[in-house]
Amino acid sequence: MLRVFLQFVLPMIFPTALWLVWVWFEKKRSNDPEKVGRDTPWVWLIPIGFALSIISLITWGVVQGDKSGKTYTAPRLENGKIVPGKFE
C-alpha cells in the first residue's frame, strides 16, 4: 500500500498541494485576497503530476530491479504444496 501511495498517488497530488500552499500564503500576504488563486493552472498541474509519476516508475524500476542474467523458476506444486516462483 505504501508503494502504491509513493509511486502513484503522491506524484499526482504533490504539484496541486504545492500550488494550494502557495495560494494560501499569497492570500495572507495580498491586499486583495479574492483575486489570488482564481486562475488555477490545471494545464500545468496535471502534466507535471503525470511526469512525476513516470519519473517515480522509472526510479522504482531501476532501484528495485533484479539483476539480469538470472533464470526464473515458475511456481510449482511439490508434495501438495505450492512452491513460489523465484530467480536463480
N, C-alpha and C. Protein backbone atom coordinates (compact mmCIF):
# COMPACT_ATOMS: atom_id res chain seq x y z
N MET A 1 0.81 -1.19 0.00
CA MET A 1 0.00 0.00 0.00
C MET A 1 0.86 1.26 0.00
N LEU A 2 1.94 1.25 0.77
CA LEU A 2 2.83 2.40 0.82
C LEU A 2 3.49 2.61 -0.54
N ARG A 3 3.84 1.52 -1.21
CA ARG A 3 4.45 1.62 -2.53
C ARG A 3 3.49 2.28 -3.51
N VAL A 4 2.23 1.90 -3.48
CA VAL A 4 1.23 2.49 -4.37
C VAL A 4 1.10 3.98 -4.08
N PHE A 5 1.07 4.32 -2.80
CA PHE A 5 0.96 5.73 -2.43
C PHE A 5 2.17 6.53 -2.92
N LEU A 6 3.37 6.01 -2.65
CA LEU A 6 4.58 6.73 -3.05
C LEU A 6 4.77 6.78 -4.55
N GLN A 7 4.35 5.74 -5.24
CA GLN A 7 4.62 5.64 -6.67
C GLN A 7 3.55 6.29 -7.53
N PHE A 8 2.32 6.31 -7.11
CA PHE A 8 1.24 6.82 -7.95
C PHE A 8 0.52 8.03 -7.35
N VAL A 9 0.10 7.93 -6.10
CA VAL A 9 -0.75 8.96 -5.52
C VAL A 9 0.06 10.23 -5.21
N LEU A 10 1.16 10.11 -4.53
CA LEU A 10 1.95 11.27 -4.14
C LEU A 10 2.42 12.11 -5.33
N PRO A 11 2.97 11.51 -6.39
CA PRO A 11 3.38 12.34 -7.53
C PRO A 11 2.22 13.06 -8.20
N MET A 12 1.02 12.51 -8.16
CA MET A 12 -0.13 13.18 -8.77
C MET A 12 -0.65 14.32 -7.89
N ILE A 13 -0.58 14.16 -6.57
CA ILE A 13 -1.13 15.14 -5.65
C ILE A 13 -0.13 16.26 -5.34
N PHE A 14 1.15 15.96 -5.38
CA PHE A 14 2.18 16.90 -4.94
C PHE A 14 2.14 18.26 -5.64
N PRO A 15 2.06 18.33 -6.99
CA PRO A 15 2.03 19.65 -7.62
C PRO A 15 0.82 20.48 -7.20
N THR A 16 -0.34 19.85 -7.09
CA THR A 16 -1.54 20.58 -6.69
C THR A 16 -1.44 21.02 -5.23
N ALA A 17 -0.94 20.16 -4.37
CA ALA A 17 -0.78 20.53 -2.95
C ALA A 17 0.21 21.69 -2.81
N LEU A 18 1.27 21.66 -3.57
CA LEU A 18 2.25 22.73 -3.54
C LEU A 18 1.62 24.05 -4.01
N TRP A 19 0.82 23.98 -5.05
CA TRP A 19 0.14 25.17 -5.55
C TRP A 19 -0.86 25.70 -4.52
N LEU A 20 -1.59 24.81 -3.86
CA LEU A 20 -2.56 25.24 -2.83
C LEU A 20 -1.87 25.92 -1.65
N VAL A 21 -0.70 25.42 -1.27
CA VAL A 21 0.07 26.06 -0.19
C VAL A 21 0.50 27.45 -0.64
N TRP A 22 0.95 27.56 -1.88
CA TRP A 22 1.35 28.87 -2.40
C TRP A 22 0.17 29.85 -2.39
N VAL A 23 -1.01 29.40 -2.83
CA VAL A 23 -2.20 30.26 -2.84
C VAL A 23 -2.54 30.70 -1.42
N TRP A 24 -2.45 29.80 -0.47
CA TRP A 24 -2.76 30.13 0.92
C TRP A 24 -1.84 31.24 1.44
N PHE A 25 -0.52 31.08 1.17
CA PHE A 25 0.43 32.11 1.61
C PHE A 25 0.18 33.44 0.89
N GLU A 26 -0.12 33.38 -0.38
CA GLU A 26 -0.37 34.60 -1.15
C GLU A 26 -1.64 35.31 -0.67
N LYS A 27 -2.66 34.57 -0.30
CA LYS A 27 -3.89 35.19 0.22
C LYS A 27 -3.63 35.92 1.53
N LYS A 28 -2.77 35.36 2.36
CA LYS A 28 -2.44 36.01 3.62
C LYS A 28 -1.63 37.29 3.38
N ARG A 29 -0.81 37.27 2.33
CA ARG A 29 0.10 38.38 2.06
C ARG A 29 -0.51 39.47 1.18
N SER A 30 -1.49 39.12 0.39
CA SER A 30 -2.03 40.02 -0.63
C SER A 30 -2.98 41.06 -0.04
N ASN A 31 -3.05 42.21 -0.76
CA ASN A 31 -4.01 43.25 -0.38
C ASN A 31 -5.41 42.91 -0.85
N ASP A 32 -5.51 42.13 -1.93
CA ASP A 32 -6.81 41.73 -2.49
C ASP A 32 -6.87 40.20 -2.56
N PRO A 33 -7.17 39.53 -1.43
CA PRO A 33 -7.12 38.06 -1.40
C PRO A 33 -8.15 37.37 -2.29
N GLU A 34 -9.16 38.10 -2.75
CA GLU A 34 -10.18 37.47 -3.61
C GLU A 34 -9.62 37.11 -4.98
N LYS A 35 -8.63 37.85 -5.46
CA LYS A 35 -8.08 37.62 -6.80
C LYS A 35 -7.00 36.54 -6.82
N VAL A 36 -6.41 36.25 -5.68
CA VAL A 36 -5.32 35.27 -5.62
C VAL A 36 -5.86 33.87 -5.84
N GLY A 37 -5.26 33.13 -6.75
CA GLY A 37 -5.62 31.74 -6.99
C GLY A 37 -6.85 31.55 -7.83
N ARG A 38 -7.36 32.60 -8.42
CA ARG A 38 -8.58 32.49 -9.21
C ARG A 38 -8.33 31.72 -10.51
N ASP A 39 -7.17 31.90 -11.10
CA ASP A 39 -6.82 31.20 -12.35
C ASP A 39 -5.98 29.98 -12.02
N THR A 40 -6.63 28.88 -11.70
CA THR A 40 -5.92 27.65 -11.36
C THR A 40 -5.22 27.09 -12.59
N PRO A 41 -3.91 26.84 -12.51
CA PRO A 41 -3.17 26.37 -13.68
C PRO A 41 -3.27 24.85 -13.87
N TRP A 42 -4.48 24.34 -14.08
CA TRP A 42 -4.67 22.89 -14.26
C TRP A 42 -3.89 22.37 -15.46
N VAL A 43 -3.73 23.22 -16.47
CA VAL A 43 -3.00 22.80 -17.67
C VAL A 43 -1.56 22.44 -17.33
N TRP A 44 -1.00 23.05 -16.30
CA TRP A 44 0.36 22.73 -15.88
C TRP A 44 0.39 21.71 -14.75
N LEU A 45 -0.55 21.76 -13.84
CA LEU A 45 -0.52 20.87 -12.68
C LEU A 45 -0.70 19.40 -13.07
N ILE A 46 -1.61 19.11 -13.97
CA ILE A 46 -1.87 17.72 -14.36
C ILE A 46 -0.69 17.10 -15.10
N PRO A 47 -0.11 17.75 -16.13
CA PRO A 47 1.06 17.14 -16.79
C PRO A 47 2.26 16.99 -15.86
N ILE A 48 2.46 17.95 -14.95
CA ILE A 48 3.57 17.81 -14.01
C ILE A 48 3.35 16.60 -13.10
N GLY A 49 2.11 16.37 -12.68
CA GLY A 49 1.79 15.19 -11.86
C GLY A 49 2.07 13.90 -12.61
N PHE A 50 1.67 13.85 -13.89
CA PHE A 50 1.95 12.66 -14.70
C PHE A 50 3.45 12.47 -14.90
N ALA A 51 4.17 13.56 -15.14
CA ALA A 51 5.63 13.46 -15.32
C ALA A 51 6.29 12.92 -14.05
N LEU A 52 5.86 13.42 -12.89
CA LEU A 52 6.42 12.91 -11.64
C LEU A 52 6.09 11.43 -11.44
N SER A 53 4.89 10.99 -11.85
CA SER A 53 4.53 9.57 -11.75
C SER A 53 5.44 8.72 -12.64
N ILE A 54 5.69 9.19 -13.85
CA ILE A 54 6.56 8.44 -14.77
C ILE A 54 7.98 8.37 -14.22
N ILE A 55 8.46 9.50 -13.69
CA ILE A 55 9.80 9.51 -13.11
C ILE A 55 9.88 8.55 -11.93
N SER A 56 8.83 8.50 -11.10
CA SER A 56 8.86 7.59 -9.96
C SER A 56 8.81 6.13 -10.40
N LEU A 57 8.07 5.83 -11.48
CA LEU A 57 8.04 4.46 -12.00
C LEU A 57 9.42 4.04 -12.51
N ILE A 58 10.07 4.92 -13.24
CA ILE A 58 11.40 4.61 -13.76
C ILE A 58 12.38 4.43 -12.61
N THR A 59 12.34 5.34 -11.64
CA THR A 59 13.24 5.25 -10.49
C THR A 59 12.99 3.97 -9.71
N TRP A 60 11.74 3.64 -9.49
CA TRP A 60 11.42 2.42 -8.74
C TRP A 60 11.93 1.18 -9.48
N GLY A 61 11.79 1.16 -10.80
CA GLY A 61 12.27 0.03 -11.59
C GLY A 61 13.78 -0.12 -11.54
N VAL A 62 14.49 1.01 -11.55
CA VAL A 62 15.95 0.96 -11.51
C VAL A 62 16.43 0.55 -10.12
N VAL A 63 15.83 1.11 -9.09
CA VAL A 63 16.27 0.85 -7.71
C VAL A 63 15.87 -0.55 -7.25
N GLN A 64 14.65 -0.98 -7.57
CA GLN A 64 14.15 -2.26 -7.08
C GLN A 64 14.34 -3.40 -8.07
N GLY A 65 14.88 -3.11 -9.23
CA GLY A 65 15.03 -4.15 -10.25
C GLY A 65 15.96 -5.26 -9.81
N ASP A 66 15.74 -6.44 -10.35
CA ASP A 66 16.59 -7.58 -10.04
C ASP A 66 17.75 -7.62 -11.02
N LYS A 67 18.82 -8.27 -10.64
CA LYS A 67 19.99 -8.39 -11.51
C LYS A 67 19.65 -9.22 -12.74
N SER A 68 20.12 -8.76 -13.87
CA SER A 68 19.87 -9.53 -15.09
C SER A 68 20.80 -10.73 -15.14
N GLY A 69 20.48 -11.67 -15.97
CA GLY A 69 21.29 -12.88 -16.09
C GLY A 69 20.79 -14.03 -15.23
N LYS A 70 19.79 -13.80 -14.43
CA LYS A 70 19.22 -14.87 -13.62
C LYS A 70 18.10 -15.53 -14.39
N THR A 71 17.86 -16.81 -14.10
CA THR A 71 16.75 -17.52 -14.73
C THR A 71 15.60 -17.62 -13.73
N TYR A 72 14.40 -17.49 -14.28
CA TYR A 72 13.21 -17.53 -13.45
C TYR A 72 12.67 -18.94 -13.38
N THR A 73 12.40 -19.42 -12.17
CA THR A 73 11.77 -20.71 -11.95
C THR A 73 10.31 -20.44 -11.59
N ALA A 74 9.40 -20.96 -12.40
CA ALA A 74 7.98 -20.72 -12.21
C ALA A 74 7.47 -21.43 -10.95
N PRO A 75 6.36 -20.96 -10.38
CA PRO A 75 5.77 -21.65 -9.24
C PRO A 75 5.37 -23.08 -9.64
N ARG A 76 5.48 -23.99 -8.68
CA ARG A 76 5.16 -25.39 -9.00
C ARG A 76 4.55 -26.05 -7.77
N LEU A 77 3.96 -27.19 -8.00
CA LEU A 77 3.33 -27.95 -6.95
C LEU A 77 4.24 -29.11 -6.57
N GLU A 78 4.67 -29.16 -5.29
CA GLU A 78 5.52 -30.26 -4.80
C GLU A 78 4.89 -30.81 -3.53
N ASN A 79 4.59 -32.09 -3.54
CA ASN A 79 4.01 -32.78 -2.38
C ASN A 79 2.77 -32.07 -1.85
N GLY A 80 1.94 -31.58 -2.75
CA GLY A 80 0.69 -30.94 -2.35
C GLY A 80 0.84 -29.50 -1.87
N LYS A 81 2.05 -28.94 -1.95
CA LYS A 81 2.28 -27.56 -1.53
C LYS A 81 2.79 -26.75 -2.72
N ILE A 82 2.38 -25.49 -2.76
CA ILE A 82 2.83 -24.62 -3.83
C ILE A 82 4.17 -23.99 -3.45
N VAL A 83 5.16 -24.22 -4.32
CA VAL A 83 6.47 -23.60 -4.13
C VAL A 83 6.48 -22.35 -5.00
N PRO A 84 6.68 -21.16 -4.39
CA PRO A 84 6.61 -19.92 -5.17
C PRO A 84 7.73 -19.81 -6.20
N GLY A 85 7.48 -19.03 -7.24
CA GLY A 85 8.49 -18.79 -8.24
C GLY A 85 9.62 -17.94 -7.69
N LYS A 86 10.79 -18.05 -8.33
CA LYS A 86 11.94 -17.27 -7.85
C LYS A 86 12.98 -17.14 -8.95
N PHE A 87 13.88 -16.20 -8.77
CA PHE A 87 15.01 -16.04 -9.68
C PHE A 87 16.19 -16.79 -9.11
N GLU A 88 16.90 -17.50 -9.97
CA GLU A 88 18.09 -18.26 -9.53
C GLU A 88 19.28 -17.87 -10.37
